[in-house]
Amino acid sequence: MEQSKSNSEIVAEIYRNAQLALTSISDILPEVDDGGIREEIMHQHEEYEKICSKASKLALESGLDLKEPSPMKKAMMWSAIKMGTANDNSAQNIAQMMIRGTVTGITSLKTALTDSENTLQPDVKKLLTELISLEEGFEKRLKKFL
């Protein structure tokens, strides 16, 4: 079992997760032709923006300086998306790519919750579980496009 993360580390992880999702969505949207999956992805974008806002508020209240994902990480994500959609921008392929990212986020967040559950402040735990729940819902809805 990993050592428990501090509340500020969890807030930073929530923010980072949502920022990476927003970046991925911004990168993939120009490749999406299917209206149904485009609508789903746009909905996800709105929800991730809300999570970022809530995480920013918690960070501000605790004096935490949140960091954006590194330019290298963003560039790697962009190139993976461009390569992944170069020959196939079908709704099914887009859904598969989005599901992979979502599952990675869920895994990371659930691990953080399990490792730190007993030390989390209620507002941090609430936001963490809210994001996990959102991502689990996103995964379920994206599977309809497979």
C-alpha atoms as a PDB file:
ATOM      1  CA  MET A   1       0.000   0.000   0.000  1.00  0.00           C
ATOM      2  CA  GLU A   2       1.287   3.415  -0.964  1.00  0.00           C
ATOM      3  CA  GLN A   3       1.803   6.110   1.629  1.00  0.00           C
ATOM      4  CA  SER A   4      -1.209   8.346   2.164  1.00  0.00           C
ATOM      5  CA  LYS A   5      -1.254  11.507   0.063  1.00  0.00           C
ATOM      6  CA  SER A   6      -1.939  14.877   1.611  1.00  0.00           C
ATOM      7  CA  ASN A   7      -5.122  16.768   0.901  1.00  0.00           C
ATOM      8  CA  SER A   8      -3.214  19.280  -1.212  1.00  0.00           C
ATOM      9  CA  GLU A   9      -1.658  16.448  -3.262  1.00  0.00           C
ATOM     10  CA  ILE A  10      -5.125  15.003  -3.876  1.00  0.00           C
ATOM     11  CA  VAL A  11      -6.503  18.396  -4.945  1.00  0.00           C
ATOM     12  CA  ALA A  12      -3.535  18.778  -7.304  1.00  0.00           C
ATOM     13  CA  GLU A  13      -4.188  15.290  -8.699  1.00  0.00           C
ATOM     14  CA  ILE A  14      -7.887  16.055  -9.243  1.00  0.00           C
ATOM     15  CA  TYR A  15      -6.977  19.275 -11.053  1.00  0.00           C
ATOM     16  CA  ARG A  16      -4.271  17.605 -13.137  1.00  0.00           C
ATOM     17  CA  ASN A  17      -6.618  14.765 -14.118  1.00  0.00           C
ATOM     18  CA  ALA A  18      -9.327  17.182 -15.236  1.00  0.00           C
ATOM     19  CA  GLN A  19      -6.837  19.409 -17.083  1.00  0.00           C
ATOM     20  CA  LEU A  20      -5.430  16.426 -18.984  1.00  0.00           C
ATOM     21  CA  ALA A  21      -8.972  15.411 -19.911  1.00  0.00           C
ATOM     22  CA  LEU A  22      -9.738  18.949 -21.138  1.00  0.00           C
ATOM     23  CA  THR A  23      -6.550  18.966 -23.215  1.00  0.00           C
ATOM     24  CA  SER A  24      -7.369  15.565 -24.717  1.00  0.00           C
ATOM     25  CA  ILE A  25     -10.890  16.660 -25.558  1.00  0.00           C
ATOM     26  CA  SER A  26      -9.628  19.845 -27.204  1.00  0.00           C
ATOM     27  CA  ASP A  27      -7.171  17.778 -29.253  1.00  0.00           C
ATOM     28  CA  ILE A  28      -9.676  15.143 -30.324  1.00  0.00           C
ATOM     29  CA  LEU A  29     -12.713  17.316 -31.121  1.00  0.00           C
ATOM     30  CA  PRO A  30     -11.377  18.540 -34.501  1.00  0.00           C
ATOM     31  CA  GLU A  31     -11.108  14.881 -35.552  1.00  0.00           C
ATOM     32  CA  VAL A  32     -14.710  13.987 -34.618  1.00  0.00           C
ATOM     33  CA  ASP A  33     -17.245  13.870 -37.437  1.00  0.00           C
ATOM     34  CA  ASP A  34     -19.988  11.866 -35.705  1.00  0.00           C
ATOM     35  CA  GLY A  35     -22.554  14.163 -34.080  1.00  0.00           C
ATOM     36  CA  GLY A  36     -23.518  11.746 -31.316  1.00  0.00           C
ATOM     37  CA  ILE A  37     -20.063  11.230 -29.900  1.00  0.00           C
ATOM     38  CA  ARG A  38     -19.219  14.907 -30.453  1.00  0.00           C
ATOM     39  CA  GLU A  39     -22.170  15.827 -28.226  1.00  0.00           C
ATOM     40  CA  GLU A  40     -21.019  13.368 -25.544  1.00  0.00           C
ATOM     41  CA  ILE A  41     -17.468  14.697 -25.612  1.00  0.00           C
ATOM     42  CA  MET A  42     -18.695  18.305 -25.410  1.00  0.00           C
ATOM     43  CA  HIS A  43     -20.756  17.352 -22.345  1.00  0.00           C
ATOM     44  CA  GLN A  44     -17.670  15.797 -20.773  1.00  0.00           C
ATOM     45  CA  HIS A  45     -15.710  18.986 -21.462  1.00  0.00           C
ATOM     46  CA  GLU A  46     -18.273  21.031 -19.538  1.00  0.00           C
ATOM     47  CA  GLU A  47     -18.147  18.649 -16.583  1.00  0.00           C
ATOM     48  CA  TYR A  48     -14.337  18.633 -16.457  1.00  0.00           C
ATOM     49  CA  GLU A  49     -14.372  22.454 -16.487  1.00  0.00           C
ATOM     50  CA  LYS A  50     -16.647  22.393 -13.431  1.00  0.00           C
ATOM     51  CA  ILE A  51     -14.265  19.991 -11.651  1.00  0.00           C
ATOM     52  CA  CYS A  52     -11.288  22.251 -12.485  1.00  0.00           C
ATOM     53  CA  SER A  53     -13.153  25.207 -11.066  1.00  0.00           C
ATOM     54  CA  LYS A  54     -13.989  23.367  -7.849  1.00  0.00           C
ATOM     55  CA  ALA A  55     -10.414  22.110  -7.485  1.00  0.00           C
ATOM     56  CA  SER A  56      -9.095  25.633  -8.086  1.00  0.00           C
ATOM     57  CA  LYS A  57     -11.391  26.951  -5.359  1.00  0.00           C
ATOM     58  CA  LEU A  58     -10.154  24.309  -2.887  1.00  0.00           C
ATOM     59  CA  ALA A  59      -6.558  25.071  -3.837  1.00  0.00           C
ATOM     60  CA  LEU A  60      -7.085  28.801  -3.362  1.00  0.00           C
ATOM     61  CA  GLU A  61      -8.627  28.227   0.067  1.00  0.00           C
ATOM     62  CA  SER A  62      -5.588  26.212   1.152  1.00  0.00           C
ATOM     63  CA  GLY A  63      -2.950  28.390  -0.534  1.00  0.00           C
ATOM     64  CA  LEU A  64      -1.983  25.661  -3.004  1.00  0.00           C
ATOM     65  CA  ASP A  65      -0.401  26.632  -6.316  1.00  0.00           C
ATOM     66  CA  LEU A  66      -1.805  24.302  -8.981  1.00  0.00           C
ATOM     67  CA  LYS A  67       0.357  23.375 -11.937  1.00  0.00           C
ATOM     68  CA  GLU A  68      -0.780  22.785 -15.485  1.00  0.00           C
ATOM     69  CA  PRO A  69       0.269  19.577 -17.248  1.00  0.00           C
ATOM     70  CA  SER A  70       3.740  19.962 -18.775  1.00  0.00           C
ATOM     71  CA  PRO A  71       4.107  21.032 -22.416  1.00  0.00           C
ATOM     72  CA  MET A  72       5.850  17.703 -23.072  1.00  0.00           C
ATOM     73  CA  LYS A  73       2.880  15.749 -21.695  1.00  0.00           C
ATOM     74  CA  LYS A  74       0.492  17.842 -23.790  1.00  0.00           C
ATOM     75  CA  ALA A  75       2.596  17.316 -26.926  1.00  0.00           C
ATOM     76  CA  MET A  76       2.715  13.564 -26.349  1.00  0.00           C
ATOM     77  CA  MET A  77      -1.058  13.441 -25.914  1.00  0.00           C
ATOM     78  CA  TRP A  78      -1.610  15.557 -29.028  1.00  0.00           C
ATOM     79  CA  SER A  79       0.603  13.344 -31.182  1.00  0.00           C
ATOM     80  CA  ALA A  80      -1.011  10.154 -29.821  1.00  0.00           C
ATOM     81  CA  ILE A  81      -4.449  11.519 -30.693  1.00  0.00           C
ATOM     82  CA  LYS A  82      -3.369  12.622 -34.182  1.00  0.00           C
ATOM     83  CA  MET A  83      -1.769   9.231 -34.856  1.00  0.00           C
ATOM     84  CA  GLY A  84      -4.758   7.393 -33.390  1.00  0.00           C
ATOM     85  CA  THR A  85      -7.228   9.204 -35.619  1.00  0.00           C
ATOM     86  CA  ALA A  86      -5.119   9.567 -38.793  1.00  0.00           C
ATOM     87  CA  ASN A  87      -6.623   6.535 -40.520  1.00  0.00           C
ATOM     88  CA  ASP A  88      -9.773   6.075 -38.452  1.00  0.00           C
ATOM     89  CA  ASN A  89     -11.857   8.858 -36.977  1.00  0.00           C
ATOM     90  CA  SER A  90     -14.963   6.689 -36.586  1.00  0.00           C
ATOM     91  CA  ALA A  91     -17.129   7.079 -33.500  1.00  0.00           C
ATOM     92  CA  GLN A  92     -16.008   3.611 -32.417  1.00  0.00           C
ATOM     93  CA  ASN A  93     -12.295   4.482 -32.586  1.00  0.00           C
ATOM     94  CA  ILE A  94     -12.820   7.850 -30.879  1.00  0.00           C
ATOM     95  CA  ALA A  95     -14.804   6.110 -28.111  1.00  0.00           C
ATOM     96  CA  GLN A  96     -12.029   3.544 -27.637  1.00  0.00           C
ATOM     97  CA  MET A  97      -9.420   6.295 -27.308  1.00  0.00           C
ATOM     98  CA  MET A  98     -11.565   8.275 -24.874  1.00  0.00           C
ATOM     99  CA  ILE A  99     -12.320   5.169 -22.798  1.00  0.00           C
ATOM    100  CA  ARG A 100      -8.605   4.370 -22.455  1.00  0.00           C
ATOM    101  CA  GLY A 101      -7.942   7.854 -21.084  1.00  0.00           C
ATOM    102  CA  THR A 102     -10.963   7.732 -18.813  1.00  0.00           C
ATOM    103  CA  VAL A 103     -10.003   4.344 -17.353  1.00  0.00           C
ATOM    104  CA  THR A 104      -6.476   5.612 -16.703  1.00  0.00           C
ATOM    105  CA  GLY A 105      -7.976   8.542 -14.787  1.00  0.00           C
ATOM    106  CA  ILE A 106     -10.366   6.339 -12.822  1.00  0.00           C
ATOM    107  CA  THR A 107      -7.539   3.992 -11.836  1.00  0.00           C
ATOM    108  CA  SER A 108      -5.334   6.830 -10.638  1.00  0.00           C
ATOM    109  CA  LEU A 109      -8.124   8.534  -8.709  1.00  0.00           C
ATOM    110  CA  LYS A 110      -9.422   5.343  -7.076  1.00  0.00           C
ATOM    111  CA  THR A 111      -5.894   4.477  -5.973  1.00  0.00           C
ATOM    112  CA  ALA A 112      -5.552   7.945  -4.430  1.00  0.00           C
ATOM    113  CA  LEU A 113      -8.906   7.509  -2.675  1.00  0.00           C
ATOM    114  CA  THR A 114      -8.035   4.078  -1.303  1.00  0.00           C
ATOM    115  CA  ASP A 115      -4.588   5.161  -0.107  1.00  0.00           C
ATOM    116  CA  SER A 116      -5.764   8.399   1.531  1.00  0.00           C
ATOM    117  CA  GLU A 117      -9.422   7.851   2.376  1.00  0.00           C
ATOM    118  CA  ASN A 118      -8.988   8.074   6.155  1.00  0.00           C
ATOM    119  CA  THR A 119      -6.987  11.311   6.046  1.00  0.00           C
ATOM    120  CA  LEU A 120      -8.978  13.321   3.492  1.00  0.00           C
ATOM    121  CA  GLN A 121     -10.857  16.436   4.452  1.00  0.00           C
ATOM    122  CA  PRO A 122     -14.572  16.066   3.654  1.00  0.00           C
ATOM    123  CA  ASP A 123     -14.577  18.639   0.839  1.00  0.00           C
ATOM    124  CA  VAL A 124     -11.533  17.055  -0.835  1.00  0.00           C
ATOM    125  CA  LYS A 125     -13.005  13.563  -0.523  1.00  0.00           C
ATOM    126  CA  LYS A 126     -16.325  14.811  -1.920  1.00  0.00           C
ATOM    127  CA  LEU A 127     -14.654  16.317  -4.995  1.00  0.00           C
ATOM    128  CA  LEU A 128     -12.514  13.221  -5.522  1.00  0.00           C
ATOM    129  CA  THR A 129     -15.505  10.889  -5.365  1.00  0.00           C
ATOM    130  CA  GLU A 130     -17.483  13.258  -7.602  1.00  0.00           C
ATOM    131  CA  LEU A 131     -14.794  13.072 -10.281  1.00  0.00           C
ATOM    132  CA  ILE A 132     -14.541   9.283  -9.990  1.00  0.00           C
ATOM    133  CA  SER A 133     -18.305   8.998 -10.371  1.00  0.00           C
ATOM    134  CA  LEU A 134     -18.305  11.348 -13.361  1.00  0.00           C
ATOM    135  CA  GLU A 135     -15.568   9.395 -15.105  1.00  0.00           C
ATOM    136  CA  GLU A 136     -17.293   6.076 -14.457  1.00  0.00           C
ATOM    137  CA  GLY A 137     -20.432   7.556 -16.035  1.00  0.00           C
ATOM    138  CA  PHE A 138     -18.409   8.846 -18.999  1.00  0.00           C
ATOM    139  CA  GLU A 139     -16.918   5.388 -19.526  1.00  0.00           C
ATOM    140  CA  LYS A 140     -20.367   3.790 -19.492  1.00  0.00           C
ATOM    141  CA  ARG A 141     -21.814   6.299 -21.973  1.00  0.00           C
ATOM    142  CA  LEU A 142     -18.800   6.041 -24.292  1.00  0.00           C
ATOM    143  CA  LYS A 143     -19.218   2.253 -24.456  1.00  0.00           C
ATOM    144  CA  LYS A 144     -22.488   2.840 -26.338  1.00  0.00           C
ATOM    145  CA  PHE A 145     -20.379   3.974 -29.299  1.00  0.00           C
ATOM    146  CA  LEU A 146     -18.387   0.723 -29.475  1.00  0.00           C
END
